[in-house]
Amino acid sequence: MLDTERKFLEENRDRLLKEYGGKFLVIKGEDISGVYETIDEALQGAAAQFGLESVLIRRASDVQQMELSAPALTLGILNAGLSCADDGLR
């Protein structure tokens, strides 16, 4: 999954770094479909544009590759029904 996007990022990393610096890129196929200042903006933009389809969100400047699989985040149910009072963290 996302092999095309990873390959595109690796093959174009230097160009993307020069063009976009440390911004977050939303990559779908071999296209940059969005450029954002924060990861939150990138996640929101990707969700609005592609819904539940898989996309790659990375900074061209990131040296290490990190995979994130967060279905709860994707579905908008992260922290659903939880509060600090529920788990005694206050």
PDB file of N, CA and C in Angstrom:
ATOM      1  N   MET A   1       0.836  -1.177   0.000  1.00  0.00           N
ATOM      2  CA  MET A   1       0.000   0.000   0.000  1.00  0.00           C
ATOM      3  C   MET A   1       0.889   1.251   0.000  1.00  0.00           C
ATOM      4  N   LEU A   2       0.541   2.218  -0.782  1.00  0.00           N
ATOM      5  CA  LEU A   2       1.254   3.500  -0.901  1.00  0.00           C
ATOM      6  C   LEU A   2       2.659   3.361  -1.474  1.00  0.00           C
ATOM      7  N   ASP A   3       2.926   2.259  -2.162  1.00  0.00           N
ATOM      8  CA  ASP A   3       4.252   2.072  -2.767  1.00  0.00           C
ATOM      9  C   ASP A   3       4.546   3.136  -3.816  1.00  0.00           C
ATOM     10  N   THR A   4       3.548   3.475  -4.627  1.00  0.00           N
ATOM     11  CA  THR A   4       3.722   4.496  -5.658  1.00  0.00           C
ATOM     12  C   THR A   4       4.084   5.838  -5.025  1.00  0.00           C
ATOM     13  N   GLU A   5       3.380   6.196  -3.957  1.00  0.00           N
ATOM     14  CA  GLU A   5       3.615   7.475  -3.283  1.00  0.00           C
ATOM     15  C   GLU A   5       4.997   7.516  -2.628  1.00  0.00           C
ATOM     16  N   ARG A   6       5.390   6.408  -1.989  1.00  0.00           N
ATOM     17  CA  ARG A   6       6.718   6.360  -1.361  1.00  0.00           C
ATOM     18  C   ARG A   6       7.832   6.479  -2.406  1.00  0.00           C
ATOM     19  N   LYS A   7       7.659   5.773  -3.507  1.00  0.00           N
ATOM     20  CA  LYS A   7       8.648   5.828  -4.585  1.00  0.00           C
ATOM     21  C   LYS A   7       8.752   7.246  -5.144  1.00  0.00           C
ATOM     22  N   PHE A   8       7.604   7.889  -5.363  1.00  0.00           N
ATOM     23  CA  PHE A   8       7.576   9.263  -5.857  1.00  0.00           C
ATOM     24  C   PHE A   8       8.321  10.187  -4.901  1.00  0.00           C
ATOM     25  N   LEU A   9       8.058  10.055  -3.600  1.00  0.00           N
ATOM     26  CA  LEU A   9       8.721  10.894  -2.604  1.00  0.00           C
ATOM     27  C   LEU A   9      10.231  10.679  -2.619  1.00  0.00           C
ATOM     28  N   GLU A  10      10.657   9.439  -2.626  1.00  0.00           N
ATOM     29  CA  GLU A  10      12.092   9.138  -2.624  1.00  0.00           C
ATOM     30  C   GLU A  10      12.782   9.673  -3.886  1.00  0.00           C
ATOM     31  N   GLU A  11      12.167   9.462  -5.028  1.00  0.00           N
ATOM     32  CA  GLU A  11      12.773   9.877  -6.293  1.00  0.00           C
ATOM     33  C   GLU A  11      12.788  11.396  -6.461  1.00  0.00           C
ATOM     34  N   ASN A  12      11.918  12.099  -5.779  1.00  0.00           N
ATOM     35  CA  ASN A  12      11.796  13.554  -5.945  1.00  0.00           C
ATOM     36  C   ASN A  12      12.119  14.329  -4.675  1.00  0.00           C
ATOM     37  N   ARG A  13      12.696  13.670  -3.678  1.00  0.00           N
ATOM     38  CA  ARG A  13      12.924  14.282  -2.368  1.00  0.00           C
ATOM     39  C   ARG A  13      13.695  15.606  -2.464  1.00  0.00           C
ATOM     40  N   ASP A  14      14.774  15.646  -3.200  1.00  0.00           N
ATOM     41  CA  ASP A  14      15.581  16.881  -3.288  1.00  0.00           C
ATOM     42  C   ASP A  14      14.784  18.032  -3.889  1.00  0.00           C
ATOM     43  N   ARG A  15      14.070  17.758  -4.964  1.00  0.00           N
ATOM     44  CA  ARG A  15      13.251  18.795  -5.607  1.00  0.00           C
ATOM     45  C   ARG A  15      12.135  19.254  -4.675  1.00  0.00           C
ATOM     46  N   LEU A  16      11.479  18.297  -4.033  1.00  0.00           N
ATOM     47  CA  LEU A  16      10.383  18.637  -3.124  1.00  0.00           C
ATOM     48  C   LEU A  16      10.889  19.431  -1.925  1.00  0.00           C
ATOM     49  N   LEU A  17      12.062  19.077  -1.445  1.00  0.00           N
ATOM     50  CA  LEU A  17      12.647  19.808  -0.318  1.00  0.00           C
ATOM     51  C   LEU A  17      12.936  21.255  -0.703  1.00  0.00           C
ATOM     52  N   LYS A  18      13.486  21.456  -1.891  1.00  0.00           N
ATOM     53  CA  LYS A  18      13.761  22.821  -2.359  1.00  0.00           C
ATOM     54  C   LYS A  18      12.478  23.609  -2.573  1.00  0.00           C
ATOM     55  N   GLU A  19      11.477  22.942  -3.121  1.00  0.00           N
ATOM     56  CA  GLU A  19      10.235  23.632  -3.470  1.00  0.00           C
ATOM     57  C   GLU A  19       9.326  23.879  -2.259  1.00  0.00           C
ATOM     58  N   TYR A  20       9.268  22.916  -1.334  1.00  0.00           N
ATOM     59  CA  TYR A  20       8.304  23.007  -0.240  1.00  0.00           C
ATOM     60  C   TYR A  20       8.924  23.076   1.152  1.00  0.00           C
ATOM     61  N   GLY A  21      10.233  22.918   1.254  1.00  0.00           N
ATOM     62  CA  GLY A  21      10.899  23.004   2.552  1.00  0.00           C
ATOM     63  C   GLY A  21      10.346  22.014   3.550  1.00  0.00           C
ATOM     64  N   GLY A  22      10.005  22.504   4.734  1.00  0.00           N
ATOM     65  CA  GLY A  22       9.524  21.645   5.801  1.00  0.00           C
ATOM     66  C   GLY A  22       8.023  21.516   5.876  1.00  0.00           C
ATOM     67  N   LYS A  23       7.322  21.892   4.822  1.00  0.00           N
ATOM     68  CA  LYS A  23       5.857  21.812   4.838  1.00  0.00           C
ATOM     69  C   LYS A  23       5.399  20.358   4.688  1.00  0.00           C
ATOM     70  N   PHE A  24       4.184  20.095   5.126  1.00  0.00           N
ATOM     71  CA  PHE A  24       3.606  18.765   5.014  1.00  0.00           C
ATOM     72  C   PHE A  24       2.972  18.609   3.636  1.00  0.00           C
ATOM     73  N   LEU A  25       3.317  17.516   2.973  1.00  0.00           N
ATOM     74  CA  LEU A  25       2.820  17.242   1.633  1.00  0.00           C
ATOM     75  C   LEU A  25       1.809  16.109   1.689  1.00  0.00           C
ATOM     76  N   VAL A  26       0.705  16.268   1.004  1.00  0.00           N
ATOM     77  CA  VAL A  26      -0.245  15.181   0.807  1.00  0.00           C
ATOM     78  C   VAL A  26       0.026  14.643  -0.589  1.00  0.00           C
ATOM     79  N   ILE A  27       0.409  13.369  -0.653  1.00  0.00           N
ATOM     80  CA  ILE A  27       0.800  12.758  -1.916  1.00  0.00           C
ATOM     81  C   ILE A  27      -0.182  11.647  -2.241  1.00  0.00           C
ATOM     82  N   LYS A  28      -0.747  11.723  -3.443  1.00  0.00           N
ATOM     83  CA  LYS A  28      -1.664  10.705  -3.946  1.00  0.00           C
ATOM     84  C   LYS A  28      -1.160  10.294  -5.313  1.00  0.00           C
ATOM     85  N   GLY A  29      -0.772   9.038  -5.441  1.00  0.00           N
ATOM     86  CA  GLY A  29      -0.169   8.581  -6.693  1.00  0.00           C
ATOM     87  C   GLY A  29       1.166   9.272  -6.872  1.00  0.00           C
ATOM     88  N   GLU A  30       1.350   9.921  -7.987  1.00  0.00           N
ATOM     89  CA  GLU A  30       2.570  10.677  -8.259  1.00  0.00           C
ATOM     90  C   GLU A  30       2.285  12.175  -8.304  1.00  0.00           C
ATOM     91  N   ASP A  31       1.316  12.596  -7.513  1.00  0.00           N
ATOM     92  CA  ASP A  31       0.918  14.005  -7.480  1.00  0.00           C
ATOM     93  C   ASP A  31       0.950  14.547  -6.060  1.00  0.00           C
ATOM     94  N   ILE A  32       1.366  15.804  -5.941  1.00  0.00           N
ATOM     95  CA  ILE A  32       1.241  16.537  -4.686  1.00  0.00           C
ATOM     96  C   ILE A  32      -0.149  17.160  -4.720  1.00  0.00           C
ATOM     97  N   SER A  33      -1.037  16.678  -3.874  1.00  0.00           N
ATOM     98  CA  SER A  33      -2.407  17.182  -3.914  1.00  0.00           C
ATOM     99  C   SER A  33      -2.672  18.249  -2.868  1.00  0.00           C
ATOM    100  N   GLY A  34      -1.702  18.472  -1.977  1.00  0.00           N
ATOM    101  CA  GLY A  34      -1.866  19.513  -0.973  1.00  0.00           C
ATOM    102  C   GLY A  34      -0.557  19.802  -0.271  1.00  0.00           C
ATOM    103  N   VAL A  35      -0.385  21.047   0.145  1.00  0.00           N
ATOM    104  CA  VAL A  35       0.807  21.497   0.869  1.00  0.00           C
ATOM    105  C   VAL A  35       0.324  22.284   2.075  1.00  0.00           C
ATOM    106  N   TYR A  36       0.773  21.878   3.272  1.00  0.00           N
ATOM    107  CA  TYR A  36       0.247  22.456   4.508  1.00  0.00           C
ATOM    108  C   TYR A  36       1.361  22.783   5.493  1.00  0.00           C
ATOM    109  N   GLU A  37       1.081  23.718   6.359  1.00  0.00           N
ATOM    110  CA  GLU A  37       2.038  24.132   7.388  1.00  0.00           C
ATOM    111  C   GLU A  37       2.096  23.148   8.557  1.00  0.00           C
ATOM    112  N   THR A  38       0.958  22.557   8.915  1.00  0.00           N
ATOM    113  CA  THR A  38       0.908  21.667  10.070  1.00  0.00           C
ATOM    114  C   THR A  38       0.350  20.305   9.679  1.00  0.00           C
ATOM    115  N   ILE A  39       0.651  19.304  10.518  1.00  0.00           N
ATOM    116  CA  ILE A  39       0.117  17.962  10.274  1.00  0.00           C
ATOM    117  C   ILE A  39      -1.402  17.962  10.414  1.00  0.00           C
ATOM    118  N   ASP A  40      -1.939  18.750  11.340  1.00  0.00           N
ATOM    119  CA  ASP A  40      -3.395  18.824  11.502  1.00  0.00           C
ATOM    120  C   ASP A  40      -4.071  19.334  10.233  1.00  0.00           C
ATOM    121  N   GLU A  41      -3.499  20.386   9.646  1.00  0.00           N
ATOM    122  CA  GLU A  41      -4.053  20.922   8.400  1.00  0.00           C
ATOM    123  C   GLU A  41      -3.963  19.881   7.285  1.00  0.00           C
ATOM    124  N   ALA A  42      -2.841  19.161   7.227  1.00  0.00           N
ATOM    125  CA  ALA A  42      -2.654  18.143   6.191  1.00  0.00           C
ATOM    126  C   ALA A  42      -3.664  17.013   6.349  1.00  0.00           C
ATOM    127  N   LEU A  43      -3.886  16.559   7.584  1.00  0.00           N
ATOM    128  CA  LEU A  43      -4.866  15.503   7.831  1.00  0.00           C
ATOM    129  C   LEU A  43      -6.270  15.950   7.449  1.00  0.00           C
ATOM    130  N   GLN A  44      -6.622  17.173   7.811  1.00  0.00           N
ATOM    131  CA  GLN A  44      -7.948  17.698   7.475  1.00  0.00           C
ATOM    132  C   GLN A  44      -8.111  17.854   5.971  1.00  0.00           C
ATOM    133  N   GLY A  45      -7.071  18.387   5.308  1.00  0.00           N
ATOM    134  CA  GLY A  45      -7.134  18.565   3.863  1.00  0.00           C
ATOM    135  C   GLY A  45      -7.237  17.246   3.118  1.00  0.00           C
ATOM    136  N   ALA A  46      -6.458  16.258   3.562  1.00  0.00           N
ATOM    137  CA  ALA A  46      -6.488  14.943   2.926  1.00  0.00           C
ATOM    138  C   ALA A  46      -7.845  14.279   3.124  1.00  0.00           C
ATOM    139  N   ALA A  47      -8.392  14.382   4.329  1.00  0.00           N
ATOM    140  CA  ALA A  47      -9.701  13.781   4.599  1.00  0.00           C
ATOM    141  C   ALA A  47     -10.795  14.447   3.776  1.00  0.00           C
ATOM    142  N   ALA A  48     -10.729  15.771   3.651  1.00  0.00           N
ATOM    143  CA  ALA A  48     -11.733  16.497   2.876  1.00  0.00           C
ATOM    144  C   ALA A  48     -11.646  16.143   1.395  1.00  0.00           C
ATOM    145  N   GLN A  49     -10.427  15.970   0.907  1.00  0.00           N
ATOM    146  CA  GLN A  49     -10.234  15.714  -0.519  1.00  0.00           C
ATOM    147  C   GLN A  49     -10.426  14.250  -0.896  1.00  0.00           C
ATOM    148  N   PHE A  50      -9.970  13.324  -0.027  1.00  0.00           N
ATOM    149  CA  PHE A  50      -9.948  11.914  -0.398  1.00  0.00           C
ATOM    150  C   PHE A  50     -10.797  11.009   0.497  1.00  0.00           C
ATOM    151  N   GLY A  51     -11.391  11.550   1.543  1.00  0.00           N
ATOM    152  CA  GLY A  51     -12.211  10.721   2.425  1.00  0.00           C
ATOM    153  C   GLY A  51     -11.376   9.629   3.066  1.00  0.00           C
ATOM    154  N   LEU A  52     -11.798   8.392   2.921  1.00  0.00           N
ATOM    155  CA  LEU A  52     -11.108   7.255   3.536  1.00  0.00           C
ATOM    156  C   LEU A  52     -10.061   6.613   2.634  1.00  0.00           C
ATOM    157  N   GLU A  53      -9.815   7.200   1.449  1.00  0.00           N
ATOM    158  CA  GLU A  53      -8.772   6.662   0.577  1.00  0.00           C
ATOM    159  C   GLU A  53      -7.400   6.858   1.211  1.00  0.00           C
ATOM    160  N   SER A  54      -6.479   5.979   0.903  1.00  0.00           N
ATOM    161  CA  SER A  54      -5.121   6.083   1.431  1.00  0.00           C
ATOM    162  C   SER A  54      -4.336   7.156   0.696  1.00  0.00           C
ATOM    163  N   VAL A  55      -3.642   7.969   1.457  1.00  0.00           N
ATOM    164  CA  VAL A  55      -2.725   8.972   0.918  1.00  0.00           C
ATOM    165  C   VAL A  55      -1.476   8.961   1.794  1.00  0.00           C
ATOM    166  N   LEU A  56      -0.407   9.510   1.274  1.00  0.00           N
ATOM    167  CA  LEU A  56       0.833   9.636   2.033  1.00  0.00           C
ATOM    168  C   LEU A  56       0.977  11.086   2.475  1.00  0.00           C
ATOM    169  N   ILE A  57       1.213  11.295   3.765  1.00  0.00           N
ATOM    170  CA  ILE A  57       1.442  12.637   4.282  1.00  0.00           C
ATOM    171  C   ILE A  57       2.826  12.649   4.903  1.00  0.00           C
ATOM    172  N   ARG A  58       3.703  13.449   4.319  1.00  0.00           N
ATOM    173  CA  ARG A  58       5.078  13.508   4.789  1.00  0.00           C
ATOM    174  C   ARG A  58       5.655  14.891   4.557  1.00  0.00           C
ATOM    175  N   ARG A  59       6.723  15.160   5.279  1.00  0.00           N
ATOM    176  CA  ARG A  59       7.569  16.319   4.984  1.00  0.00           C
ATOM    177  C   ARG A  59       8.709  15.824   4.115  1.00  0.00           C
ATOM    178  N   ALA A  60       9.039  16.584   3.111  1.00  0.00           N
ATOM    179  CA  ALA A  60      10.181  16.207   2.277  1.00  0.00           C
ATOM    180  C   ALA A  60      11.463  16.241   3.106  1.00  0.00           C
ATOM    181  N   SER A  61      11.464  17.042   4.150  1.00  0.00           N
ATOM    182  CA  SER A  61      12.658  17.202   4.971  1.00  0.00           C
ATOM    183  C   SER A  61      12.843  16.083   5.989  1.00  0.00           C
ATOM    184  N   ASP A  62      11.823  15.254   6.199  1.00  0.00           N
ATOM    185  CA  ASP A  62      11.945  14.165   7.168  1.00  0.00           C
ATOM    186  C   ASP A  62      12.935  13.128   6.679  1.00  0.00           C
ATOM    187  N   VAL A  63      13.954  12.896   7.462  1.00  0.00           N
ATOM    188  CA  VAL A  63      14.978  11.917   7.098  1.00  0.00           C
ATOM    189  C   VAL A  63      14.459  10.516   7.341  1.00  0.00           C
ATOM    190  N   GLN A  64      13.897  10.273   8.499  1.00  0.00           N
ATOM    191  CA  GLN A  64      13.373   8.959   8.813  1.00  0.00           C
ATOM    192  C   GLN A  64      11.939   8.851   8.332  1.00  0.00           C
ATOM    193  N   GLN A  65      11.629   7.688   7.813  1.00  0.00           N
ATOM    194  CA  GLN A  65      10.268   7.435   7.371  1.00  0.00           C
ATOM    195  C   GLN A  65       9.480   6.872   8.542  1.00  0.00           C
ATOM    196  N   MET A  66       8.283   7.346   8.725  1.00  0.00           N
ATOM    197  CA  MET A  66       7.438   6.885   9.806  1.00  0.00           C
ATOM    198  C   MET A  66       6.079   6.532   9.236  1.00  0.00           C
ATOM    199  N   GLU A  67       5.610   5.359   9.594  1.00  0.00           N
ATOM    200  CA  GLU A  67       4.285   4.931   9.166  1.00  0.00           C
ATOM    201  C   GLU A  67       3.310   5.173  10.311  1.00  0.00           C
ATOM    202  N   LEU A  68       2.146   5.643   9.977  1.00  0.00           N
ATOM    203  CA  LEU A  68       1.113   5.877  10.973  1.00  0.00           C
ATOM    204  C   LEU A  68      -0.176   5.255  10.477  1.00  0.00           C
ATOM    205  N   SER A  69      -0.690   4.360  11.274  1.00  0.00           N
ATOM    206  CA  SER A  69      -1.985   3.773  10.974  1.00  0.00           C
ATOM    207  C   SER A  69      -2.896   4.078  12.144  1.00  0.00           C
ATOM    208  N   ALA A  70      -3.843   4.944  11.923  1.00  0.00           N
ATOM    209  CA  ALA A  70      -4.728   5.369  13.004  1.00  0.00           C
ATOM    210  C   ALA A  70      -6.170   5.379  12.519  1.00  0.00           C
ATOM    211  N   PRO A  71      -6.787   4.197  12.404  1.00  0.00           N
ATOM    212  CA  PRO A  71      -8.180   4.159  11.942  1.00  0.00           C
ATOM    213  C   PRO A  71      -9.107   5.020  12.789  1.00  0.00           C
ATOM    214  N   ALA A  72      -8.870   5.072  14.101  1.00  0.00           N
ATOM    215  CA  ALA A  72      -9.733   5.886  14.963  1.00  0.00           C
ATOM    216  C   ALA A  72      -9.632   7.360  14.597  1.00  0.00           C
ATOM    217  N   LEU A  73      -8.421   7.809  14.259  1.00  0.00           N
ATOM    218  CA  LEU A  73      -8.231   9.193  13.843  1.00  0.00           C
ATOM    219  C   LEU A  73      -8.924   9.426  12.506  1.00  0.00           C
ATOM    220  N   THR A  74      -8.742   8.493  11.581  1.00  0.00           N
ATOM    221  CA  THR A  74      -9.349   8.607  10.258  1.00  0.00           C
ATOM    222  C   THR A  74     -10.869   8.674  10.353  1.00  0.00           C
ATOM    223  N   LEU A  75     -11.430   7.888  11.243  1.00  0.00           N
ATOM    224  CA  LEU A  75     -12.881   7.842  11.381  1.00  0.00           C
ATOM    225  C   LEU A  75     -13.426   8.922  12.301  1.00  0.00           C
ATOM    226  N   GLY A  76     -12.525   9.703  12.901  1.00  0.00           N
ATOM    227  CA  GLY A  76     -12.955  10.796  13.763  1.00  0.00           C
ATOM    228  C   GLY A  76     -13.474  10.350  15.110  1.00  0.00           C
ATOM    229  N   ILE A  77     -13.052   9.159  15.563  1.00  0.00           N
ATOM    230  CA  ILE A  77     -13.559   8.668  16.846  1.00  0.00           C
ATOM    231  C   ILE A  77     -12.467   8.603  17.909  1.00  0.00           C
ATOM    232  N   LEU A  78     -11.333   9.203  17.644  1.00  0.00           N
ATOM    233  CA  LEU A  78     -10.266   9.240  18.632  1.00  0.00           C
ATOM    234  C   LEU A  78     -10.753   9.990  19.863  1.00  0.00           C
ATOM    235  N   ASN A  79     -10.579   9.402  21.032  1.00  0.00           N
ATOM    236  CA  ASN A  79     -11.005   9.971  22.309  1.00  0.00           C
ATOM    237  C   ASN A  79     -12.525  10.070  22.443  1.00  0.00           C
ATOM    238  N   ALA A  80     -13.249   9.308  21.645  1.00  0.00           N
ATOM    239  CA  ALA A  80     -14.719   9.352  21.718  1.00  0.00           C
ATOM    240  C   ALA A  80     -15.190   8.899  23.085  1.00  0.00           C
ATOM    241  N   GLY A  81     -15.931   9.752  23.748  1.00  0.00           N
ATOM    242  CA  GLY A  81     -16.521   9.409  25.026  1.00  0.00           C
ATOM    243  C   GLY A  81     -15.542   9.363  26.188  1.00  0.00           C
ATOM    244  N   LEU A  82     -14.337   9.827  26.000  1.00  0.00           N
ATOM    245  CA  LEU A  82     -13.348   9.808  27.068  1.00  0.00           C
ATOM    246  C   LEU A  82     -13.067  11.218  27.557  1.00  0.00           C
ATOM    247  N   SER A  83     -12.773  11.309  28.805  1.00  0.00           N
ATOM    248  CA  SER A  83     -12.322  12.577  29.357  1.00  0.00           C
ATOM    249  C   SER A  83     -11.326  12.274  30.455  1.00  0.00           C
ATOM    250  N   CYS A  84     -10.608  13.272  30.903  1.00  0.00           N
ATOM    251  CA  CYS A  84      -9.636  13.086  31.969  1.00  0.00           C
ATOM    252  C   CYS A  84     -10.309  12.569  33.231  1.00  0.00           C
ATOM    253  N   ALA A  85     -11.531  12.971  33.503  1.00  0.00           N
ATOM    254  CA  ALA A  85     -12.247  12.534  34.692  1.00  0.00           C
ATOM    255  C   ALA A  85     -12.550  11.038  34.630  1.00  0.00           C
ATOM    256  N   ASP A  86     -12.763  10.515  33.407  1.00  0.00           N
ATOM    257  CA  ASP A  86     -13.086   9.097  33.251  1.00  0.00           C
ATOM    258  C   ASP A  86     -11.942   8.189  33.641  1.00  0.00           C
ATOM    259  N   ASP A  87     -10.715   8.642  33.452  1.00  0.00           N
ATOM    260  CA  ASP A  87      -9.585   7.763  33.746  1.00  0.00           C
ATOM    261  C   ASP A  87      -8.771   8.223  34.947  1.00  0.00           C
ATOM    262  N   GLY A  88      -9.281   9.161  35.690  1.00  0.00           N
ATOM    263  CA  GLY A  88      -8.621   9.579  36.918  1.00  0.00           C
ATOM    264  C   GLY A  88      -7.336  10.360  36.731  1.00  0.00           C
ATOM    265  N   LEU A  89      -7.169  11.025  35.603  1.00  0.00           N
ATOM    266  CA  LEU A  89      -5.940  11.759  35.314  1.00  0.00           C
ATOM    267  C   LEU A  89      -5.984  13.203  35.777  1.00  0.00           C
ATOM    268  N   ARG A  90      -6.996  13.619  36.401  1.00  0.00           N
ATOM    269  CA  ARG A  90      -7.067  15.008  36.857  1.00  0.00           C
ATOM    270  C   ARG A  90      -6.360  15.178  38.149  1.00  0.00           C
TER     271      ARG A  90
END
